[in-house]
Amino acid sequence: MSRSTDNLDLIADRIRLSFSARDAAREKILPLCREAIRYCSNAIRAVHRQELDEGRELLKSACNLLDEVKQTAATHSELTSSGFVRDAQKEFAEGSITLALVTGNRLPDPDELGVDAAAYLNGLGEAAGELRRYLLDSMRRGDLSRGEELLEAMDDIYSTLVTIDFPDAITGGLRRTTDMVRGVLERTRSDLTLAMRQKGLEHRLGEFEEKLG
């Protein structure tokens, strides 16, 4: 080995140790993220079933797992911006925002949830899709009492997302999520308008039949 490269083995050893520590952290983080995503998915399903306390507990479990992810990645900052961590944060934001909107509570912000801005905004957009599902379920039960309120929330979400005009590399593909929200909003507005007209017609028909009777 030449004099100019006589420290190469030492450099390589340090790099191997660094990579080994990073790989060990990654292997620990991956299952934590998968489990957090599973808790969030189950929480959203619980919200749709009106099992709100269960939804809160599942989101709390997901939050604990994401805290563990942060602790594990504390010395490997590049892992915190990896796709699997952002996906877990997005699902947690989606579940937390869906629960807040369905229960009529104030939206949690990214700092409260401990998620980055891109994950939060994409979770916000996905939550609009969950509101459509919640509204459709309510409409099938003949309950339109919160239709306009939830539609307005969806409209507010879209109006906000459309103003975030930055490259996808920064926003985590938000433009695609925003396009999805626009389509969901248009379909939901159409469905709700039709349902409200039909309910109004049924009400007037009922009044007319009462007069005849």
C-alpha atoms as a PDB file:
ATOM      1  CA  MET A   1       0.000   0.000   0.000  1.00  0.00           C
ATOM      2  CA  SER A   2       1.404   3.367  -0.962  1.00  0.00           C
ATOM      3  CA  ARG A   3       2.070   6.079   1.592  1.00  0.00           C
ATOM      4  CA  SER A   4      -0.783   8.190   0.206  1.00  0.00           C
ATOM      5  CA  THR A   5      -3.325   5.400   0.875  1.00  0.00           C
ATOM      6  CA  ASP A   6      -1.920   3.913   4.059  1.00  0.00           C
ATOM      7  CA  ASN A   7      -4.930   5.249   6.012  1.00  0.00           C
ATOM      8  CA  LEU A   8      -7.487   3.789   3.606  1.00  0.00           C
ATOM      9  CA  ASP A   9      -8.182   0.693   5.716  1.00  0.00           C
ATOM     10  CA  LEU A  10      -8.934   2.882   8.735  1.00  0.00           C
ATOM     11  CA  ILE A  11     -11.268   5.072   6.679  1.00  0.00           C
ATOM     12  CA  ALA A  12     -13.053   2.002   5.289  1.00  0.00           C
ATOM     13  CA  ASP A  13     -13.444   0.524   8.781  1.00  0.00           C
ATOM     14  CA  ARG A  14     -15.074   3.726  10.055  1.00  0.00           C
ATOM     15  CA  ILE A  15     -17.439   3.774   7.077  1.00  0.00           C
ATOM     16  CA  ARG A  16     -18.354   0.119   7.648  1.00  0.00           C
ATOM     17  CA  LEU A  17     -19.155   0.831  11.287  1.00  0.00           C
ATOM     18  CA  SER A  18     -21.276   3.827  10.292  1.00  0.00           C
ATOM     19  CA  PHE A  19     -23.159   1.821   7.664  1.00  0.00           C
ATOM     20  CA  SER A  20     -23.614  -1.077  10.073  1.00  0.00           C
ATOM     21  CA  ALA A  21     -25.159   1.206  12.701  1.00  0.00           C
ATOM     22  CA  ARG A  22     -27.397   2.849  10.083  1.00  0.00           C
ATOM     23  CA  ASP A  23     -28.500  -0.544   8.740  1.00  0.00           C
ATOM     24  CA  ALA A  24     -29.309  -1.794  12.252  1.00  0.00           C
ATOM     25  CA  ALA A  25     -31.397   1.335  12.894  1.00  0.00           C
ATOM     26  CA  ARG A  26     -33.193   0.880   9.576  1.00  0.00           C
ATOM     27  CA  GLU A  27     -33.991  -2.769  10.355  1.00  0.00           C
ATOM     28  CA  LYS A  28     -35.477  -1.716  13.692  1.00  0.00           C
ATOM     29  CA  ILE A  29     -37.456   1.195  12.208  1.00  0.00           C
ATOM     30  CA  LEU A  30     -39.087  -0.706   9.319  1.00  0.00           C
ATOM     31  CA  PRO A  31     -41.315  -3.001  11.439  1.00  0.00           C
ATOM     32  CA  LEU A  32     -42.187  -0.095  13.740  1.00  0.00           C
ATOM     33  CA  CYS A  33     -43.431   1.898  10.733  1.00  0.00           C
ATOM     34  CA  ARG A  34     -45.406  -1.057   9.385  1.00  0.00           C
ATOM     35  CA  GLU A  35     -47.046  -1.585  12.772  1.00  0.00           C
ATOM     36  CA  ALA A  36     -47.839   2.125  13.088  1.00  0.00           C
ATOM     37  CA  ILE A  37     -49.503   2.084   9.652  1.00  0.00           C
ATOM     38  CA  ARG A  38     -51.558  -0.947  10.690  1.00  0.00           C
ATOM     39  CA  TYR A  39     -52.748   0.824  13.852  1.00  0.00           C
ATOM     40  CA  CYS A  40     -53.689   3.923  11.828  1.00  0.00           C
ATOM     41  CA  SER A  41     -55.647   1.890   9.261  1.00  0.00           C
ATOM     42  CA  ASN A  42     -57.551   0.155  12.039  1.00  0.00           C
ATOM     43  CA  ALA A  43     -58.179   3.513  13.733  1.00  0.00           C
ATOM     44  CA  ILE A  44     -59.763   4.918  10.572  1.00  0.00           C
ATOM     45  CA  ARG A  45     -61.964   1.846  10.264  1.00  0.00           C
ATOM     46  CA  ALA A  46     -63.008   2.282  13.896  1.00  0.00           C
ATOM     47  CA  VAL A  47     -63.956   5.913  13.223  1.00  0.00           C
ATOM     48  CA  HIS A  48     -66.175   4.826  10.330  1.00  0.00           C
ATOM     49  CA  ARG A  49     -67.842   2.311  12.656  1.00  0.00           C
ATOM     50  CA  GLN A  50     -68.448   5.126  15.175  1.00  0.00           C
ATOM     51  CA  GLU A  51     -66.089   3.388  17.622  1.00  0.00           C
ATOM     52  CA  LEU A  52     -64.349   6.662  18.448  1.00  0.00           C
ATOM     53  CA  ASP A  53     -62.713   5.643  21.727  1.00  0.00           C
ATOM     54  CA  GLU A  54     -61.129   2.636  20.041  1.00  0.00           C
ATOM     55  CA  GLY A  55     -59.932   4.894  17.232  1.00  0.00           C
ATOM     56  CA  ARG A  56     -58.265   7.214  19.732  1.00  0.00           C
ATOM     57  CA  GLU A  57     -56.524   4.327  21.477  1.00  0.00           C
ATOM     58  CA  LEU A  58     -55.229   2.917  18.201  1.00  0.00           C
ATOM     59  CA  LEU A  59     -53.878   6.321  17.174  1.00  0.00           C
ATOM     60  CA  LYS A  60     -52.207   6.645  20.565  1.00  0.00           C
ATOM     61  CA  SER A  61     -50.486   3.298  19.978  1.00  0.00           C
ATOM     62  CA  ALA A  62     -49.348   4.490  16.547  1.00  0.00           C
ATOM     63  CA  CYS A  63     -48.016   7.697  18.101  1.00  0.00           C
ATOM     64  CA  ASN A  64     -45.968   5.708  20.626  1.00  0.00           C
ATOM     65  CA  LEU A  65     -44.429   3.668  17.808  1.00  0.00           C
ATOM     66  CA  LEU A  66     -43.552   6.805  15.850  1.00  0.00           C
ATOM     67  CA  ASP A  67     -41.898   8.238  18.963  1.00  0.00           C
ATOM     68  CA  GLU A  68     -39.786   5.089  19.111  1.00  0.00           C
ATOM     69  CA  VAL A  69     -38.911   5.565  15.445  1.00  0.00           C
ATOM     70  CA  LYS A  70     -37.665   9.080  16.215  1.00  0.00           C
ATOM     71  CA  GLN A  71     -35.551   7.878  19.105  1.00  0.00           C
ATOM     72  CA  THR A  72     -34.018   5.109  17.016  1.00  0.00           C
ATOM     73  CA  ALA A  73     -33.290   7.481  14.142  1.00  0.00           C
ATOM     74  CA  ALA A  74     -31.960  10.268  16.365  1.00  0.00           C
ATOM     75  CA  THR A  75     -28.358   9.677  15.271  1.00  0.00           C
ATOM     76  CA  HIS A  76     -29.303   8.823  11.674  1.00  0.00           C
ATOM     77  CA  SER A  77     -31.200  11.876  10.456  1.00  0.00           C
ATOM     78  CA  GLU A  78     -31.304  10.615   6.869  1.00  0.00           C
ATOM     79  CA  LEU A  79     -33.660   7.828   7.985  1.00  0.00           C
ATOM     80  CA  THR A  80     -36.274  10.278   9.258  1.00  0.00           C
ATOM     81  CA  SER A  81     -36.852  11.524   5.702  1.00  0.00           C
ATOM     82  CA  SER A  82     -37.025   8.053   4.166  1.00  0.00           C
ATOM     83  CA  GLY A  83     -40.145   6.924   2.336  1.00  0.00           C
ATOM     84  CA  PHE A  84     -41.257   4.358   4.904  1.00  0.00           C
ATOM     85  CA  VAL A  85     -41.066   6.851   7.784  1.00  0.00           C
ATOM     86  CA  ARG A  86     -42.954   9.501   5.808  1.00  0.00           C
ATOM     87  CA  ASP A  87     -45.610   6.945   4.861  1.00  0.00           C
ATOM     88  CA  ALA A  88     -46.140   6.065   8.525  1.00  0.00           C
ATOM     89  CA  GLN A  89     -46.326   9.745   9.459  1.00  0.00           C
ATOM     90  CA  LYS A  90     -48.787  10.391   6.624  1.00  0.00           C
ATOM     91  CA  GLU A  91     -51.070   7.581   7.800  1.00  0.00           C
ATOM     92  CA  PHE A  92     -50.914   8.899  11.363  1.00  0.00           C
ATOM     93  CA  ALA A  93     -51.783  12.409  10.178  1.00  0.00           C
ATOM     94  CA  GLU A  94     -54.640  11.033   8.071  1.00  0.00           C
ATOM     95  CA  GLY A  95     -56.114   9.086  10.971  1.00  0.00           C
ATOM     96  CA  SER A  96     -55.747  11.945  13.457  1.00  0.00           C
ATOM     97  CA  ILE A  97     -57.230  14.515  11.078  1.00  0.00           C
ATOM     98  CA  THR A  98     -60.122  12.218  10.115  1.00  0.00           C
ATOM     99  CA  LEU A  99     -60.976  11.675  13.778  1.00  0.00           C
ATOM    100  CA  ALA A 100     -60.865  15.428  14.475  1.00  0.00           C
ATOM    101  CA  LEU A 101     -63.100  16.313  11.529  1.00  0.00           C
ATOM    102  CA  VAL A 102     -65.640  13.567  12.195  1.00  0.00           C
ATOM    103  CA  THR A 103     -65.934  14.563  15.860  1.00  0.00           C
ATOM    104  CA  GLY A 104     -66.058  18.291  15.076  1.00  0.00           C
ATOM    105  CA  ASN A 105     -62.832  19.074  16.927  1.00  0.00           C
ATOM    106  CA  ARG A 106     -60.024  21.474  16.004  1.00  0.00           C
ATOM    107  CA  LEU A 107     -57.478  20.163  13.535  1.00  0.00           C
ATOM    108  CA  PRO A 108     -54.203  19.008  15.103  1.00  0.00           C
ATOM    109  CA  ASP A 109     -51.163  20.703  13.592  1.00  0.00           C
ATOM    110  CA  PRO A 110     -47.956  18.982  12.402  1.00  0.00           C
ATOM    111  CA  ASP A 111     -46.029  19.848  15.567  1.00  0.00           C
ATOM    112  CA  GLU A 112     -48.739  18.363  17.784  1.00  0.00           C
ATOM    113  CA  LEU A 113     -48.647  15.151  15.767  1.00  0.00           C
ATOM    114  CA  GLY A 114     -44.858  15.104  15.482  1.00  0.00           C
ATOM    115  CA  VAL A 115     -44.885  14.694  11.701  1.00  0.00           C
ATOM    116  CA  ASP A 116     -43.152  16.666   8.964  1.00  0.00           C
ATOM    117  CA  ALA A 117     -45.028  19.164   6.824  1.00  0.00           C
ATOM    118  CA  ALA A 118     -45.139  17.062   3.651  1.00  0.00           C
ATOM    119  CA  ALA A 119     -46.503  14.015   5.494  1.00  0.00           C
ATOM    120  CA  TYR A 120     -49.074  16.228   7.205  1.00  0.00           C
ATOM    121  CA  LEU A 121     -50.353  17.822   3.990  1.00  0.00           C
ATOM    122  CA  ASN A 122     -50.629  14.492   2.193  1.00  0.00           C
ATOM    123  CA  GLY A 123     -52.409  13.040   5.227  1.00  0.00           C
ATOM    124  CA  LEU A 124     -54.758  16.032   5.172  1.00  0.00           C
ATOM    125  CA  GLY A 125     -55.618  15.286   1.548  1.00  0.00           C
ATOM    126  CA  GLU A 126     -56.196  11.600   2.277  1.00  0.00           C
ATOM    127  CA  ALA A 127     -58.461  12.585   5.165  1.00  0.00           C
ATOM    128  CA  ALA A 128     -60.710  14.383   2.659  1.00  0.00           C
ATOM    129  CA  GLY A 129     -61.212  11.036   0.943  1.00  0.00           C
ATOM    130  CA  GLU A 130     -62.166   9.494   4.278  1.00  0.00           C
ATOM    131  CA  LEU A 131     -64.707  12.275   4.803  1.00  0.00           C
ATOM    132  CA  ARG A 132     -66.342  11.327   1.507  1.00  0.00           C
ATOM    133  CA  ARG A 133     -66.593   7.728   2.697  1.00  0.00           C
ATOM    134  CA  TYR A 134     -68.044   8.890   6.028  1.00  0.00           C
ATOM    135  CA  LEU A 135     -70.574  11.104   4.252  1.00  0.00           C
ATOM    136  CA  LEU A 136     -71.658   8.353   1.872  1.00  0.00           C
ATOM    137  CA  ASP A 137     -72.209   5.990   4.797  1.00  0.00           C
ATOM    138  CA  SER A 138     -74.326   8.678   6.520  1.00  0.00           C
ATOM    139  CA  MET A 139     -76.309   9.296   3.340  1.00  0.00           C
ATOM    140  CA  ARG A 140     -77.069   5.597   3.008  1.00  0.00           C
ATOM    141  CA  ARG A 141     -78.524   5.752   6.518  1.00  0.00           C
ATOM    142  CA  GLY A 142     -80.611   8.752   5.464  1.00  0.00           C
ATOM    143  CA  ASP A 143     -78.658  11.095   7.716  1.00  0.00           C
ATOM    144  CA  LEU A 144     -77.771  14.368   5.979  1.00  0.00           C
ATOM    145  CA  SER A 145     -77.451  16.422   9.164  1.00  0.00           C
ATOM    146  CA  ARG A 146     -73.712  17.022   8.827  1.00  0.00           C
ATOM    147  CA  GLY A 147     -73.506  16.888   5.060  1.00  0.00           C
ATOM    148  CA  GLU A 148     -72.918  20.571   4.402  1.00  0.00           C
ATOM    149  CA  GLU A 149     -70.521  20.900   7.357  1.00  0.00           C
ATOM    150  CA  LEU A 150     -68.281  18.047   6.200  1.00  0.00           C
ATOM    151  CA  LEU A 151     -68.458  19.130   2.572  1.00  0.00           C
ATOM    152  CA  GLU A 152     -67.296  22.582   3.657  1.00  0.00           C
ATOM    153  CA  ALA A 153     -64.372  20.983   5.507  1.00  0.00           C
ATOM    154  CA  MET A 154     -63.414  19.108   2.343  1.00  0.00           C
ATOM    155  CA  ASP A 155     -63.657  22.346   0.372  1.00  0.00           C
ATOM    156  CA  ASP A 156     -61.410  24.100   2.898  1.00  0.00           C
ATOM    157  CA  ILE A 157     -58.846  21.309   2.593  1.00  0.00           C
ATOM    158  CA  TYR A 158     -58.772  21.547  -1.183  1.00  0.00           C
ATOM    159  CA  SER A 159     -58.618  25.349  -1.122  1.00  0.00           C
ATOM    160  CA  THR A 160     -55.575  25.128   1.125  1.00  0.00           C
ATOM    161  CA  LEU A 161     -53.743  22.330  -0.690  1.00  0.00           C
ATOM    162  CA  VAL A 162     -54.074  24.038  -4.062  1.00  0.00           C
ATOM    163  CA  THR A 163     -52.082  26.995  -2.698  1.00  0.00           C
ATOM    164  CA  ILE A 164     -49.056  24.832  -1.798  1.00  0.00           C
ATOM    165  CA  ASP A 165     -47.194  25.259  -5.058  1.00  0.00           C
ATOM    166  CA  PHE A 166     -43.779  23.668  -4.588  1.00  0.00           C
ATOM    167  CA  PRO A 167     -41.908  20.848  -6.350  1.00  0.00           C
ATOM    168  CA  ASP A 168     -42.985  17.282  -5.546  1.00  0.00           C
ATOM    169  CA  ALA A 169     -39.504  16.597  -4.178  1.00  0.00           C
ATOM    170  CA  ILE A 170     -40.320  19.014  -1.351  1.00  0.00           C
ATOM    171  CA  THR A 171     -44.008  18.217  -0.856  1.00  0.00           C
ATOM    172  CA  GLY A 172     -43.810  14.437  -1.232  1.00  0.00           C
ATOM    173  CA  GLY A 173     -46.015  14.289  -4.321  1.00  0.00           C
ATOM    174  CA  LEU A 174     -48.682  16.634  -2.961  1.00  0.00           C
ATOM    175  CA  ARG A 175     -49.832  17.684  -6.418  1.00  0.00           C
ATOM    176  CA  ARG A 176     -51.186  14.183  -7.055  1.00  0.00           C
ATOM    177  CA  THR A 177     -52.954  14.187  -3.686  1.00  0.00           C
ATOM    178  CA  THR A 178     -54.472  17.605  -4.438  1.00  0.00           C
ATOM    179  CA  ASP A 179     -55.798  16.360  -7.779  1.00  0.00           C
ATOM    180  CA  MET A 180     -57.382  13.418  -5.957  1.00  0.00           C
ATOM    181  CA  VAL A 181     -59.043  15.769  -3.465  1.00  0.00           C
ATOM    182  CA  ARG A 182     -60.500  17.891  -6.261  1.00  0.00           C
ATOM    183  CA  GLY A 183     -62.135  14.841  -7.839  1.00  0.00           C
ATOM    184  CA  VAL A 184     -63.420  13.590  -4.484  1.00  0.00           C
ATOM    185  CA  LEU A 185     -64.822  17.029  -3.652  1.00  0.00           C
ATOM    186  CA  GLU A 186     -66.666  17.369  -6.970  1.00  0.00           C
ATOM    187  CA  ARG A 187     -68.214  13.909  -6.720  1.00  0.00           C
ATOM    188  CA  THR A 188     -69.221  14.421  -3.098  1.00  0.00           C
ATOM    189  CA  ARG A 189     -70.818  17.789  -3.808  1.00  0.00           C
ATOM    190  CA  SER A 190     -72.813  16.210  -6.629  1.00  0.00           C
ATOM    191  CA  ASP A 191     -73.879  13.225  -4.504  1.00  0.00           C
ATOM    192  CA  LEU A 192     -74.882  15.402  -1.549  1.00  0.00           C
ATOM    193  CA  THR A 193     -76.827  17.861  -3.706  1.00  0.00           C
ATOM    194  CA  LEU A 194     -78.762  15.001  -5.280  1.00  0.00           C
ATOM    195  CA  ALA A 195     -79.478  13.414  -1.890  1.00  0.00           C
ATOM    196  CA  MET A 196     -80.678  16.706  -0.410  1.00  0.00           C
ATOM    197  CA  ARG A 197     -82.976  17.364  -3.365  1.00  0.00           C
ATOM    198  CA  GLN A 198     -84.389  13.870  -3.094  1.00  0.00           C
ATOM    199  CA  LYS A 199     -84.968  14.259   0.646  1.00  0.00           C
ATOM    200  CA  GLY A 200     -86.643  17.625   0.049  1.00  0.00           C
ATOM    201  CA  LEU A 201     -88.877  16.073  -2.569  1.00  0.00           C
ATOM    202  CA  GLU A 202     -89.805  13.219  -0.254  1.00  0.00           C
ATOM    203  CA  HIS A 203     -90.630  15.735   2.487  1.00  0.00           C
ATOM    204  CA  ARG A 204     -92.897  17.770   0.221  1.00  0.00           C
ATOM    205  CA  LEU A 205     -94.548  14.602  -1.055  1.00  0.00           C
ATOM    206  CA  GLY A 206     -95.203  13.530   2.523  1.00  0.00           C
ATOM    207  CA  GLU A 207     -96.799  16.878   3.326  1.00  0.00           C
ATOM    208  CA  PHE A 208     -98.949  16.632   0.206  1.00  0.00           C
ATOM    209  CA  GLU A 209    -100.116  13.123   1.153  1.00  0.00           C
ATOM    210  CA  GLU A 210    -100.975  14.328   4.680  1.00  0.00           C
ATOM    211  CA  LYS A 211    -103.171  17.077   3.203  1.00  0.00           C
ATOM    212  CA  LEU A 212    -104.928  14.579   0.968  1.00  0.00           C
ATOM    213  CA  GLY A 213    -105.432  12.211   3.865  1.00  0.00           C
END
